[in-house]
């Protein structure tokens, strides 16, 4: 595909929306000069990766939170045992 694009006074070029969609171009591209030509490459937005993780559903997020909470509780109990020695369930 070859297209003629205009460069405005500030040096900006508008990439047509159909091309951006086809190539998955979001808010950023990598630019390099190679063999006397400008080459643009799409950059995947890290927020999209996070969005994909979250969109797996609330059950997945709730399950992950339960696991993190359990790990934090175990770590806390381990620290209490290390500091105070013995059974963490007894009170002084």
PDB file of N, CA and C in Angstrom:
ATOM      1  N   UNK A   1       0.846  -1.172   0.000  1.00  0.00           N
ATOM      2  CA  UNK A   1       0.000   0.000   0.000  1.00  0.00           C
ATOM      3  C   UNK A   1       0.893   1.237   0.000  1.00  0.00           C
ATOM      4  N   UNK A   2       0.594   2.143  -0.863  1.00  0.00           N
ATOM      5  CA  UNK A   2       1.326   3.407  -0.961  1.00  0.00           C
ATOM      6  C   UNK A   2       0.312   4.531  -0.911  1.00  0.00           C
ATOM      7  N   UNK A   3       0.566   5.515  -0.073  1.00  0.00           N
ATOM      8  CA  UNK A   3      -0.315   6.682   0.028  1.00  0.00           C
ATOM      9  C   UNK A   3       0.533   7.927   0.133  1.00  0.00           C
ATOM     10  N   UNK A   4       0.028   9.017  -0.418  1.00  0.00           N
ATOM     11  CA  UNK A   4       0.672  10.320  -0.294  1.00  0.00           C
ATOM     12  C   UNK A   4       0.048  10.991   0.921  1.00  0.00           C
ATOM     13  N   UNK A   5       0.880  11.375   1.892  1.00  0.00           N
ATOM     14  CA  UNK A   5       0.409  12.060   3.090  1.00  0.00           C
ATOM     15  C   UNK A   5       1.028  13.440   3.140  1.00  0.00           C
ATOM     16  N   UNK A   6       0.291  14.386   3.697  1.00  0.00           N
ATOM     17  CA  UNK A   6       0.810  15.746   3.837  1.00  0.00           C
ATOM     18  C   UNK A   6       1.558  15.908   5.144  1.00  0.00           C
ATOM     19  N   UNK A   7       2.532  16.752   5.107  1.00  0.00           N
ATOM     20  CA  UNK A   7       3.282  17.130   6.301  1.00  0.00           C
ATOM     21  C   UNK A   7       2.889  18.573   6.604  1.00  0.00           C
ATOM     22  N   UNK A   8       2.384  18.826   7.829  1.00  0.00           N
ATOM     23  CA  UNK A   8       1.969  20.199   8.139  1.00  0.00           C
ATOM     24  C   UNK A   8       3.187  21.050   8.508  1.00  0.00           C
ATOM     25  N   UNK A   9       2.953  22.328   8.820  1.00  0.00           N
ATOM     26  CA  UNK A   9       4.051  23.263   9.092  1.00  0.00           C
ATOM     27  C   UNK A   9       4.891  22.845  10.291  1.00  0.00           C
ATOM     28  N   UNK A  10       4.326  22.084  11.181  1.00  0.00           N
ATOM     29  CA  UNK A  10       5.061  21.642  12.371  1.00  0.00           C
ATOM     30  C   UNK A  10       5.743  20.284  12.161  1.00  0.00           C
ATOM     31  N   UNK A  11       5.647  19.730  10.964  1.00  0.00           N
ATOM     32  CA  UNK A  11       6.301  18.469  10.660  1.00  0.00           C
ATOM     33  C   UNK A  11       5.464  17.247  10.995  1.00  0.00           C
ATOM     34  N   UNK A  12       4.182  17.444  11.272  1.00  0.00           N
ATOM     35  CA  UNK A  12       3.309  16.327  11.640  1.00  0.00           C
ATOM     36  C   UNK A  12       2.696  15.669  10.415  1.00  0.00           C
ATOM     37  N   UNK A  13       2.541  14.351  10.519  1.00  0.00           N
ATOM     38  CA  UNK A  13       1.894  13.567   9.475  1.00  0.00           C
ATOM     39  C   UNK A  13       0.737  12.819  10.133  1.00  0.00           C
ATOM     40  N   UNK A  14      -0.408  12.831   9.503  1.00  0.00           N
ATOM     41  CA  UNK A  14      -1.565  12.109  10.032  1.00  0.00           C
ATOM     42  C   UNK A  14      -1.611  10.728   9.389  1.00  0.00           C
ATOM     43  N   UNK A  15      -1.546   9.694  10.235  1.00  0.00           N
ATOM     44  CA  UNK A  15      -1.667   8.324   9.738  1.00  0.00           C
ATOM     45  C   UNK A  15      -3.161   8.024   9.663  1.00  0.00           C
ATOM     46  N   UNK A  16      -3.681   7.640   8.506  1.00  0.00           N
ATOM     47  CA  UNK A  16      -5.114   7.385   8.360  1.00  0.00           C
ATOM     48  C   UNK A  16      -5.614   6.349   9.371  1.00  0.00           C
ATOM     49  N   UNK A  17      -6.839   6.540   9.858  1.00  0.00           N
ATOM     50  CA  UNK A  17      -7.389   5.672  10.900  1.00  0.00           C
ATOM     51  C   UNK A  17      -7.445   4.208  10.476  1.00  0.00           C
ATOM     52  N   UNK A  18      -7.762   3.932   9.225  1.00  0.00           N
ATOM     53  CA  UNK A  18      -7.836   2.522   8.791  1.00  0.00           C
ATOM     54  C   UNK A  18      -6.470   1.856   8.881  1.00  0.00           C
ATOM     55  N   UNK A  19      -5.401   2.619   8.619  1.00  0.00           N
ATOM     56  CA  UNK A  19      -4.042   2.084   8.728  1.00  0.00           C
ATOM     57  C   UNK A  19      -3.689   1.870  10.197  1.00  0.00           C
ATOM     58  N   UNK A  20      -4.053   2.837  11.062  1.00  0.00           N
ATOM     59  CA  UNK A  20      -3.788   2.685  12.502  1.00  0.00           C
ATOM     60  C   UNK A  20      -4.488   1.452  13.049  1.00  0.00           C
ATOM     61  N   UNK A  21      -5.747   1.247  12.656  1.00  0.00           N
ATOM     62  CA  UNK A  21      -6.484   0.057  13.113  1.00  0.00           C
ATOM     63  C   UNK A  21      -5.833  -1.224  12.614  1.00  0.00           C
ATOM     64  N   UNK A  22      -5.498  -1.260  11.347  1.00  0.00           N
ATOM     65  CA  UNK A  22      -4.906  -2.453  10.743  1.00  0.00           C
ATOM     66  C   UNK A  22      -3.595  -2.851  11.412  1.00  0.00           C
ATOM     67  N   UNK A  23      -2.794  -1.849  11.772  1.00  0.00           N
ATOM     68  CA  UNK A  23      -1.486  -2.108  12.367  1.00  0.00           C
ATOM     69  C   UNK A  23      -1.500  -2.111  13.892  1.00  0.00           C
ATOM     70  N   UNK A  24      -2.644  -1.791  14.480  1.00  0.00           N
ATOM     71  CA  UNK A  24      -2.728  -1.766  15.941  1.00  0.00           C
ATOM     72  C   UNK A  24      -1.954  -0.621  16.556  1.00  0.00           C
ATOM     73  N   UNK A  25      -1.913   0.513  15.874  1.00  0.00           N
ATOM     74  CA  UNK A  25      -1.193   1.681  16.384  1.00  0.00           C
ATOM     75  C   UNK A  25      -2.085   2.407  17.381  1.00  0.00           C
ATOM     76  N   UNK A  26      -1.550   2.595  18.587  1.00  0.00           N
ATOM     77  CA  UNK A  26      -2.273   3.315  19.632  1.00  0.00           C
ATOM     78  C   UNK A  26      -1.734   4.723  19.778  1.00  0.00           C
ATOM     79  N   UNK A  27      -1.240   5.030  20.980  1.00  0.00           N
ATOM     80  CA  UNK A  27      -0.780   6.386  21.285  1.00  0.00           C
ATOM     81  C   UNK A  27       0.705   6.607  20.999  1.00  0.00           C
ATOM     82  N   UNK A  28       1.433   5.532  20.630  1.00  0.00           N
ATOM     83  CA  UNK A  28       2.877   5.705  20.426  1.00  0.00           C
ATOM     84  C   UNK A  28       3.381   4.802  19.306  1.00  0.00           C
ATOM     85  N   UNK A  29       4.406   5.267  18.619  1.00  0.00           N
ATOM     86  CA  UNK A  29       5.100   4.471  17.603  1.00  0.00           C
ATOM     87  C   UNK A  29       6.597   4.672  17.789  1.00  0.00           C
ATOM     88  N   UNK A  30       7.361   3.681  17.375  1.00  0.00           N
ATOM     89  CA  UNK A  30       8.811   3.847  17.315  1.00  0.00           C
ATOM     90  C   UNK A  30       9.156   4.353  15.926  1.00  0.00           C
ATOM     91  N   UNK A  31      10.079   5.305  15.838  1.00  0.00           N
ATOM     92  CA  UNK A  31      10.500   5.831  14.553  1.00  0.00           C
ATOM     93  C   UNK A  31      12.000   5.645  14.411  1.00  0.00           C
ATOM     94  N   UNK A  32      12.400   5.208  13.231  1.00  0.00           N
ATOM     95  CA  UNK A  32      13.827   5.139  12.939  1.00  0.00           C
ATOM     96  C   UNK A  32      14.033   5.500  11.476  1.00  0.00           C
ATOM     97  N   UNK A  33      15.222   5.964  11.185  1.00  0.00           N
ATOM     98  CA  UNK A  33      15.595   6.257   9.806  1.00  0.00           C
ATOM     99  C   UNK A  33      16.452   5.085   9.348  1.00  0.00           C
ATOM    100  N   UNK A  34      16.056   4.484   8.241  1.00  0.00           N
ATOM    101  CA  UNK A  34      16.748   3.294   7.754  1.00  0.00           C
ATOM    102  C   UNK A  34      16.848   3.378   6.234  1.00  0.00           C
ATOM    103  N   UNK A  35      18.045   3.401   5.737  1.00  0.00           N
ATOM    104  CA  UNK A  35      18.246   3.451   4.295  1.00  0.00           C
ATOM    105  C   UNK A  35      17.611   4.666   3.649  1.00  0.00           C
ATOM    106  N   UNK A  36      17.672   5.811   4.321  1.00  0.00           N
ATOM    107  CA  UNK A  36      17.100   7.042   3.781  1.00  0.00           C
ATOM    108  C   UNK A  36      15.581   7.104   3.859  1.00  0.00           C
ATOM    109  N   UNK A  37      14.963   6.185   4.625  1.00  0.00           N
ATOM    110  CA  UNK A  37      13.500   6.171   4.773  1.00  0.00           C
ATOM    111  C   UNK A  37      13.128   6.242   6.243  1.00  0.00           C
ATOM    112  N   UNK A  38      11.950   6.750   6.509  1.00  0.00           N
ATOM    113  CA  UNK A  38      11.406   6.769   7.866  1.00  0.00           C
ATOM    114  C   UNK A  38      10.575   5.507   8.045  1.00  0.00           C
ATOM    115  N   UNK A  39      10.856   4.771   9.107  1.00  0.00           N
ATOM    116  CA  UNK A  39      10.115   3.548   9.418  1.00  0.00           C
ATOM    117  C   UNK A  39       9.416   3.754  10.763  1.00  0.00           C
ATOM    118  N   UNK A  40       8.112   3.539  10.778  1.00  0.00           N
ATOM    119  CA  UNK A  40       7.325   3.632  12.012  1.00  0.00           C
ATOM    120  C   UNK A  40       6.876   2.234  12.405  1.00  0.00           C
ATOM    121  N   UNK A  41       6.982   1.910  13.713  1.00  0.00           N
ATOM    122  CA  UNK A  41       6.535   0.622  14.218  1.00  0.00           C
ATOM    123  C   UNK A  41       5.599   0.842  15.393  1.00  0.00           C
ATOM    124  N   UNK A  42       4.487   0.099  15.433  1.00  0.00           N
ATOM    125  CA  UNK A  42       3.563   0.229  16.564  1.00  0.00           C
ATOM    126  C   UNK A  42       4.242  -0.161  17.877  1.00  0.00           C
ATOM    127  N   UNK A  43       3.869   0.519  18.962  1.00  0.00           N
ATOM    128  CA  UNK A  43       4.322   0.188  20.309  1.00  0.00           C
ATOM    129  C   UNK A  43       3.092  -0.231  21.089  1.00  0.00           C
ATOM    130  N   UNK A  44       3.131  -1.427  21.671  1.00  0.00           N
ATOM    131  CA  UNK A  44       1.993  -1.893  22.452  1.00  0.00           C
ATOM    132  C   UNK A  44       1.948  -1.120  23.766  1.00  0.00           C
ATOM    133  N   UNK A  45       0.776  -0.612  24.086  1.00  0.00           N
ATOM    134  CA  UNK A  45       0.566   0.157  25.309  1.00  0.00           C
ATOM    135  C   UNK A  45       0.505  -0.798  26.500  1.00  0.00           C
ATOM    136  N   UNK A  46       1.345  -0.598  27.525  1.00  0.00           N
ATOM    137  CA  UNK A  46       1.316  -1.495  28.682  1.00  0.00           C
ATOM    138  C   UNK A  46      -0.021  -1.478  29.408  1.00  0.00           C
ATOM    139  N   UNK A  47      -0.771  -0.402  29.295  1.00  0.00           N
ATOM    140  CA  UNK A  47      -2.092  -0.335  29.917  1.00  0.00           C
ATOM    141  C   UNK A  47      -3.024  -1.369  29.280  1.00  0.00           C
ATOM    142  N   UNK A  48      -2.838  -1.630  27.981  1.00  0.00           N
ATOM    143  CA  UNK A  48      -3.645  -2.662  27.321  1.00  0.00           C
ATOM    144  C   UNK A  48      -3.385  -4.029  27.937  1.00  0.00           C
ATOM    145  N   UNK A  49      -2.132  -4.316  28.283  1.00  0.00           N
ATOM    146  CA  UNK A  49      -1.816  -5.580  28.943  1.00  0.00           C
ATOM    147  C   UNK A  49      -2.545  -5.687  30.276  1.00  0.00           C
ATOM    148  N   UNK A  50      -2.538  -4.593  31.047  1.00  0.00           N
ATOM    149  CA  UNK A  50      -3.248  -4.593  32.331  1.00  0.00           C
ATOM    150  C   UNK A  50      -4.742  -4.754  32.127  1.00  0.00           C
ATOM    151  N   UNK A  51      -5.257  -4.071  31.123  1.00  0.00           N
ATOM    152  CA  UNK A  51      -6.687  -4.155  30.829  1.00  0.00           C
ATOM    153  C   UNK A  51      -7.088  -5.597  30.512  1.00  0.00           C
ATOM    154  N   UNK A  52      -6.247  -6.298  29.751  1.00  0.00           N
ATOM    155  CA  UNK A  52      -6.525  -7.691  29.419  1.00  0.00           C
ATOM    156  C   UNK A  52      -6.574  -8.553  30.677  1.00  0.00           C
ATOM    157  N   UNK A  53      -5.682  -8.285  31.623  1.00  0.00           N
ATOM    158  CA  UNK A  53      -5.688  -9.052  32.862  1.00  0.00           C
ATOM    159  C   UNK A  53      -6.959  -8.817  33.654  1.00  0.00           C
ATOM    160  N   UNK A  54      -7.390  -7.568  33.716  1.00  0.00           N
ATOM    161  CA  UNK A  54      -8.574  -7.218  34.504  1.00  0.00           C
ATOM    162  C   UNK A  54      -9.851  -7.712  33.836  1.00  0.00           C
ATOM    163  N   UNK A  55      -9.891  -7.707  32.510  1.00  0.00           N
ATOM    164  CA  UNK A  55     -11.125  -8.072  31.816  1.00  0.00           C
ATOM    165  C   UNK A  55     -11.400  -9.565  31.829  1.00  0.00           C
ATOM    166  N   UNK A  56     -10.530 -10.348  32.455  1.00  0.00           N
ATOM    167  CA  UNK A  56     -10.822 -11.775  32.584  1.00  0.00           C
ATOM    168  C   UNK A  56     -12.044 -11.985  33.471  1.00  0.00           C
ATOM    169  N   UNK A  57     -12.413 -10.990  34.236  1.00  0.00           N
ATOM    170  CA  UNK A  57     -13.636 -11.066  35.025  1.00  0.00           C
ATOM    171  C   UNK A  57     -13.387 -10.866  36.498  1.00  0.00           C
ATOM    172  N   UNK A  58     -14.460 -10.481  37.193  1.00  0.00           N
ATOM    173  CA  UNK A  58     -14.336 -10.210  38.629  1.00  0.00           C
ATOM    174  C   UNK A  58     -13.973 -11.452  39.437  1.00  0.00           C
ATOM    175  N   UNK A  59     -14.390 -12.635  38.974  1.00  0.00           N
ATOM    176  CA  UNK A  59     -14.055 -13.856  39.708  1.00  0.00           C
ATOM    177  C   UNK A  59     -12.544 -14.056  39.729  1.00  0.00           C
ATOM    178  N   UNK A  60     -11.917 -13.800  38.586  1.00  0.00           N
ATOM    179  CA  UNK A  60     -10.469 -13.950  38.483  1.00  0.00           C
ATOM    180  C   UNK A  60      -9.767 -12.955  39.402  1.00  0.00           C
ATOM    181  N   UNK A  61     -10.245 -11.718  39.409  1.00  0.00           N
ATOM    182  CA  UNK A  61      -9.640 -10.683  40.259  1.00  0.00           C
ATOM    183  C   UNK A  61      -9.844 -11.038  41.725  1.00  0.00           C
ATOM    184  N   UNK A  62     -11.070 -11.481  42.093  1.00  0.00           N
ATOM    185  CA  UNK A  62     -11.359 -11.842  43.484  1.00  0.00           C
ATOM    186  C   UNK A  62     -10.483 -13.013  43.925  1.00  0.00           C
ATOM    187  N   UNK A  63     -10.311 -13.979  43.051  1.00  0.00           N
ATOM    188  CA  UNK A  63      -9.473 -15.137  43.367  1.00  0.00           C
ATOM    189  C   UNK A  63      -8.028 -14.708  43.587  1.00  0.00           C
ATOM    190  N   UNK A  64      -7.549 -13.831  42.737  1.00  0.00           N
ATOM    191  CA  UNK A  64      -6.179 -13.327  42.876  1.00  0.00           C
ATOM    192  C   UNK A  64      -6.016 -12.572  44.191  1.00  0.00           C
ATOM    193  N   UNK A  65      -6.998 -11.747  44.549  1.00  0.00           N
ATOM    194  CA  UNK A  65      -6.938 -11.002  45.805  1.00  0.00           C
ATOM    195  C   UNK A  65      -6.944 -11.939  47.007  1.00  0.00           C
ATOM    196  N   UNK A  66      -7.771 -12.991  46.953  1.00  0.00           N
ATOM    197  CA  UNK A  66      -7.794 -13.970  48.060  1.00  0.00           C
ATOM    198  C   UNK A  66      -6.427 -14.612  48.227  1.00  0.00           C
ATOM    199  N   UNK A  67      -5.802 -14.974  47.107  1.00  0.00           N
ATOM    200  CA  UNK A  67      -4.480 -15.578  47.174  1.00  0.00           C
ATOM    201  C   UNK A  67      -3.444 -14.633  47.752  1.00  0.00           C
ATOM    202  N   UNK A  68      -3.499 -13.374  47.342  1.00  0.00           N
ATOM    203  CA  UNK A  68      -2.565 -12.377  47.878  1.00  0.00           C
ATOM    204  C   UNK A  68      -2.799 -12.153  49.372  1.00  0.00           C
ATOM    205  N   UNK A  69      -4.067 -12.098  49.779  1.00  0.00           N
ATOM    206  CA  UNK A  69      -4.397 -11.906  51.188  1.00  0.00           C
ATOM    207  C   UNK A  69      -3.879 -13.086  52.020  1.00  0.00           C
ATOM    208  N   UNK A  70      -4.092 -14.299  51.514  1.00  0.00           N
ATOM    209  CA  UNK A  70      -3.633 -15.505  52.212  1.00  0.00           C
ATOM    210  C   UNK A  70      -2.104 -15.482  52.355  1.00  0.00           C
ATOM    211  N   UNK A  71      -1.417 -15.119  51.284  1.00  0.00           N
ATOM    212  CA  UNK A  71       0.046 -15.052  51.327  1.00  0.00           C
ATOM    213  C   UNK A  71       0.517 -14.001  52.327  1.00  0.00           C
ATOM    214  N   UNK A  72      -0.164 -12.863  52.380  1.00  0.00           N
ATOM    215  CA  UNK A  72       0.212 -11.799  53.323  1.00  0.00           C
ATOM    216  C   UNK A  72      -0.016 -12.248  54.767  1.00  0.00           C
ATOM    217  N   UNK A  73      -1.127 -12.939  55.001  1.00  0.00           N
ATOM    218  CA  UNK A  73      -1.405 -13.438  56.351  1.00  0.00           C
ATOM    219  C   UNK A  73      -0.343 -14.451  56.778  1.00  0.00           C
ATOM    220  N   UNK A  74       0.019 -15.356  55.884  1.00  0.00           N
ATOM    221  CA  UNK A  74       1.040 -16.350  56.204  1.00  0.00           C
ATOM    222  C   UNK A  74       2.379 -15.686  56.480  1.00  0.00           C
ATOM    223  N   UNK A  75       2.718 -14.695  55.682  1.00  0.00           N
ATOM    224  CA  UNK A  75       3.970 -13.974  55.890  1.00  0.00           C
ATOM    225  C   UNK A  75       3.945 -13.250  57.237  1.00  0.00           C
ATOM    226  N   UNK A  76       2.817 -12.644  57.562  1.00  0.00           N
ATOM    227  CA  UNK A  76       2.681 -11.951  58.852  1.00  0.00           C
ATOM    228  C   UNK A  76       2.812 -12.907  60.021  1.00  0.00           C
ATOM    229  N   UNK A  77       2.155 -14.059  59.937  1.00  0.00           N
ATOM    230  CA  UNK A  77       2.262 -15.062  61.006  1.00  0.00           C
ATOM    231  C   UNK A  77       3.690 -15.569  61.129  1.00  0.00           C
ATOM    232  N   UNK A  78       4.346 -15.769  60.003  1.00  0.00           N
ATOM    233  CA  UNK A  78       5.738 -16.208  60.037  1.00  0.00           C
ATOM    234  C   UNK A  78       6.628 -15.191  60.729  1.00  0.00           C
ATOM    235  N   UNK A  79       6.386 -13.924  60.458  1.00  0.00           N
ATOM    236  CA  UNK A  79       7.175 -12.855  61.095  1.00  0.00           C
ATOM    237  C   UNK A  79       6.932 -12.830  62.599  1.00  0.00           C
ATOM    238  N   UNK A  80       5.679 -12.994  63.015  1.00  0.00           N
ATOM    239  CA  UNK A  80       5.357 -13.033  64.450  1.00  0.00           C
ATOM    240  C   UNK A  80       6.089 -14.201  65.106  1.00  0.00           C
ATOM    241  N   UNK A  81       6.052 -15.353  64.462  1.00  0.00           N
ATOM    242  CA  UNK A  81       6.739 -16.532  65.025  1.00  0.00           C
ATOM    243  C   UNK A  81       8.241 -16.294  65.134  1.00  0.00           C
ATOM    244  N   UNK A  82       8.822 -15.672  64.111  1.00  0.00           N
ATOM    245  CA  UNK A  82      10.268 -15.396  64.148  1.00  0.00           C
ATOM    246  C   UNK A  82      10.619 -14.421  65.275  1.00  0.00           C
ATOM    247  N   UNK A  83       9.789 -13.408  65.436  1.00  0.00           N
ATOM    248  CA  UNK A  83      10.095 -12.390  66.453  1.00  0.00           C
ATOM    249  C   UNK A  83       9.823 -12.879  67.865  1.00  0.00           C
ATOM    250  N   UNK A  84       8.692 -13.544  68.058  1.00  0.00           N
ATOM    251  CA  UNK A  84       8.252 -13.892  69.399  1.00  0.00           C
ATOM    252  C   UNK A  84       8.480 -15.356  69.729  1.00  0.00           C
ATOM    253  N   UNK A  85       8.740 -16.142  68.723  1.00  0.00           N
ATOM    254  CA  UNK A  85       9.003 -17.566  68.962  1.00  0.00           C
ATOM    255  C   UNK A  85       7.773 -18.306  69.455  1.00  0.00           C
ATOM    256  N   UNK A  86       7.527 -19.439  68.919  1.00  0.00           N
ATOM    257  CA  UNK A  86       6.433 -20.275  69.412  1.00  0.00           C
ATOM    258  C   UNK A  86       5.107 -19.974  68.738  1.00  0.00           C
ATOM    259  N   UNK A  87       4.037 -20.212  69.484  1.00  0.00           N
ATOM    260  CA  UNK A  87       2.659 -20.156  68.977  1.00  0.00           C
ATOM    261  C   UNK A  87       2.172 -18.710  68.897  1.00  0.00           C
ATOM    262  N   UNK A  88       1.786 -18.278  67.713  1.00  0.00           N
ATOM    263  CA  UNK A  88       1.329 -16.902  67.532  1.00  0.00           C
ATOM    264  C   UNK A  88      -0.106 -16.715  67.990  1.00  0.00           C
ATOM    265  N   UNK A  89      -0.800 -17.824  68.340  1.00  0.00           N
ATOM    266  CA  UNK A  89      -2.208 -17.692  68.723  1.00  0.00           C
ATOM    267  C   UNK A  89      -2.371 -17.352  70.195  1.00  0.00           C
ATOM    268  N   UNK A  90      -1.303 -17.525  71.014  1.00  0.00           N
ATOM    269  CA  UNK A  90      -1.467 -17.202  72.437  1.00  0.00           C
ATOM    270  C   UNK A  90      -1.277 -15.716  72.669  1.00  0.00           C
ATOM    271  N   UNK A  91      -1.961 -15.240  73.640  1.00  0.00           N
ATOM    272  CA  UNK A  91      -1.898 -13.811  73.974  1.00  0.00           C
ATOM    273  C   UNK A  91      -1.191 -13.644  75.301  1.00  0.00           C
ATOM    274  N   UNK A  92      -0.511 -12.517  75.463  1.00  0.00           N
ATOM    275  CA  UNK A  92       0.186 -12.254  76.715  1.00  0.00           C
ATOM    276  C   UNK A  92      -0.597 -11.309  77.575  1.00  0.00           C
TER     277      UNK A  92
END
